[in-house]
């Protein structure tokens, strides 16, 4: 029932892990614009993994809305890498600076982050990429250098 959307959004943004995840999953069952808008509200609650799951649902359902939402502002501290990955899933080059800022603090998704940086970087991002090797962890430097090489080879 559409009448349950406001309450599900509220629960998806709650501090209770299981409630927020269950509510987000229920929001995915609502089709159309109202369901998409409810997922955006869940995402903007930035709770646990519920917000990221809502973002992944929107990648499949409504990329333009997700792109617009994530481009409008920065994620809270600690969530930038996931914001960058979701923007990358929308093919948005604005993901590149976010991923570059986040990659040195990430151990689980750093390979994916470098891949997205290499795929989406533009000429305007070259200064950022040229200094990336100095900002990442020592074990990431070869990947940062390879990413820069790939971007240079791809750009005219």
Protein backbone atom coordinates (compact mmCIF):
# COMPACT_ATOMS: atom_id res chain seq x y z
CA UNK A 1 0.00 0.00 0.00
CA UNK A 2 1.34 3.41 -0.97
CA UNK A 3 0.13 4.72 2.38
CA UNK A 4 2.93 2.75 4.02
CA UNK A 5 5.70 4.54 2.10
CA UNK A 6 6.23 7.38 4.63
CA UNK A 7 6.52 4.92 7.53
CA UNK A 8 8.87 2.65 5.56
CA UNK A 9 11.05 5.65 4.69
CA UNK A 10 11.11 6.59 8.37
CA UNK A 11 12.09 3.05 9.38
CA UNK A 12 14.73 2.87 6.62
CA UNK A 13 16.38 5.91 8.19
CA UNK A 14 16.21 4.57 11.75
CA UNK A 15 19.18 3.73 13.95
CA UNK A 16 18.09 0.11 14.23
CA UNK A 17 20.13 -1.91 11.74
CA UNK A 18 17.64 -4.68 11.03
CA UNK A 19 14.67 -2.33 10.83
CA UNK A 20 16.43 0.00 8.42
CA UNK A 21 17.51 -2.86 6.15
CA UNK A 22 14.09 -4.53 6.19
CA UNK A 23 12.37 -1.22 5.44
CA UNK A 24 14.75 -0.48 2.57
CA UNK A 25 14.10 -3.91 1.09
CA UNK A 26 10.36 -3.26 1.33
CA UNK A 27 10.80 0.08 -0.45
CA UNK A 28 12.29 -1.78 -3.39
CA UNK A 29 8.93 -3.51 -3.86
CA UNK A 30 7.20 -0.22 -4.72
CA UNK A 31 7.33 0.46 -8.45
CA UNK A 32 7.36 3.74 -10.31
CA UNK A 33 8.22 7.28 -9.37
CA UNK A 34 6.82 7.08 -5.83
CA UNK A 35 8.93 4.01 -5.10
CA UNK A 36 12.00 5.67 -6.59
CA UNK A 37 11.45 8.83 -4.55
CA UNK A 38 11.07 6.74 -1.40
CA UNK A 39 14.39 5.04 -2.17
CA UNK A 40 15.98 8.48 -2.56
CA UNK A 41 14.68 9.44 0.89
CA UNK A 42 16.14 6.23 2.29
CA UNK A 43 19.46 7.00 0.63
CA UNK A 44 19.51 10.51 2.07
CA UNK A 45 19.10 9.04 5.54
CA UNK A 46 22.66 7.65 5.28
CA UNK A 47 21.89 4.76 7.65
CA UNK A 48 24.13 1.71 7.73
CA UNK A 49 23.94 -0.18 4.47
CA UNK A 50 20.30 0.73 3.83
CA UNK A 51 21.28 3.92 2.01
CA UNK A 52 23.78 2.09 -0.21
CA UNK A 53 21.31 -0.68 -0.99
CA UNK A 54 18.77 1.97 -1.95
CA UNK A 55 21.40 3.50 -4.23
CA UNK A 56 22.09 0.16 -5.87
CA UNK A 57 18.37 -0.35 -6.42
CA UNK A 58 18.21 3.06 -8.09
CA UNK A 59 21.15 2.16 -10.36
CA UNK A 60 18.85 -0.49 -11.83
CA UNK A 61 15.62 1.51 -11.65
CA UNK A 62 16.36 5.20 -12.17
CA UNK A 63 19.98 6.19 -12.82
CA UNK A 64 19.15 9.82 -13.69
CA UNK A 65 17.41 10.33 -10.35
CA UNK A 66 20.27 8.68 -8.46
CA UNK A 67 22.83 10.75 -10.36
CA UNK A 68 20.94 13.97 -9.62
CA UNK A 69 20.59 13.09 -5.93
CA UNK A 70 24.22 12.14 -5.38
CA UNK A 71 25.53 15.08 -7.42
CA UNK A 72 23.62 17.53 -5.23
CA UNK A 73 25.82 17.04 -2.17
CA UNK A 74 28.53 15.15 -0.42
CA UNK A 75 27.95 12.02 1.57
CA UNK A 76 28.79 12.12 5.28
CA UNK A 77 32.37 11.41 6.31
CA UNK A 78 33.25 7.79 5.72
CA UNK A 79 30.68 7.24 2.97
CA UNK A 80 32.44 9.08 0.16
CA UNK A 81 33.85 5.98 -1.48
CA UNK A 82 30.38 4.50 -1.83
CA UNK A 83 28.99 7.77 -3.13
CA UNK A 84 31.80 7.75 -5.68
CA UNK A 85 31.08 4.15 -6.68
CA UNK A 86 27.38 4.91 -7.15
CA UNK A 87 28.18 8.01 -9.22
CA UNK A 88 30.52 5.85 -11.29
CA UNK A 89 27.68 3.38 -11.84
CA UNK A 90 25.82 6.37 -13.30
CA UNK A 91 28.81 7.02 -15.60
CA UNK A 92 29.37 10.40 -13.95
CA UNK A 93 32.96 11.74 -14.12
CA UNK A 94 32.26 13.68 -10.90
CA UNK A 95 32.97 10.36 -9.20
CA UNK A 96 36.69 10.70 -9.98
CA UNK A 97 37.66 13.33 -7.35
CA UNK A 98 35.53 11.57 -4.73
CA UNK A 99 37.19 8.23 -5.46
CA UNK A 100 40.66 9.80 -5.51
CA UNK A 101 40.04 11.30 -2.05
CA UNK A 102 38.76 7.98 -0.73
CA UNK A 103 40.94 5.30 -2.33
CA UNK A 104 43.82 5.48 0.16
CA UNK A 105 41.47 4.79 3.08
CA UNK A 106 39.82 1.79 1.46
CA UNK A 107 41.05 -1.78 1.50
CA UNK A 108 38.03 -3.67 0.19
CA UNK A 109 37.06 -1.71 -2.91
CA UNK A 110 40.29 -0.03 -3.93
CA UNK A 111 40.71 -2.12 -7.10
CA UNK A 112 37.17 -1.22 -8.21
CA UNK A 113 37.81 2.42 -7.34
CA UNK A 114 40.97 2.54 -9.46
CA UNK A 115 39.08 0.89 -12.34
CA UNK A 116 36.36 3.51 -12.18
CA UNK A 117 38.89 6.34 -11.96
CA UNK A 118 40.62 4.98 -15.08
CA UNK A 119 37.31 4.61 -16.90
CA UNK A 120 35.82 8.02 -16.09
CA UNK A 121 38.74 10.46 -15.70
CA UNK A 122 38.86 13.40 -18.08
CA UNK A 123 41.68 15.76 -19.03
CA UNK A 124 40.58 18.02 -16.19
CA UNK A 125 41.34 15.21 -13.74
CA UNK A 126 44.95 14.70 -14.89
CA UNK A 127 46.52 16.98 -12.22
CA UNK A 128 44.62 15.06 -9.57
CA UNK A 129 45.77 11.73 -10.98
CA UNK A 130 49.37 12.90 -11.33
CA UNK A 131 49.50 13.56 -7.59
CA UNK A 132 47.53 10.46 -6.63
CA UNK A 133 50.63 8.27 -6.25
CA UNK A 134 51.85 10.53 -3.44
CA UNK A 135 48.54 10.33 -1.57
CA UNK A 136 47.81 6.61 -1.61
CA UNK A 137 49.25 3.89 0.59
CA UNK A 138 52.67 2.57 -0.54
CA UNK A 139 51.20 -0.72 -1.74
CA UNK A 140 48.70 1.20 -3.90
CA UNK A 141 51.30 3.29 -5.75
CA UNK A 142 51.76 0.84 -8.64
CA UNK A 143 47.99 0.81 -9.20
CA UNK A 144 47.85 4.61 -9.06
CA UNK A 145 50.64 4.81 -11.65
CA UNK A 146 48.92 2.24 -13.86
CA UNK A 147 45.64 4.15 -13.58
CA UNK A 148 47.36 7.35 -14.71
CA UNK A 149 48.96 5.48 -17.62
CA UNK A 150 45.58 4.06 -18.67
CA UNK A 151 43.93 7.48 -18.55
CA UNK A 152 46.71 9.10 -20.58
CA UNK A 153 46.49 6.31 -23.16
CA UNK A 154 42.71 6.71 -23.41
CA UNK A 155 42.64 10.49 -23.72
CA UNK A 156 43.48 12.25 -26.99
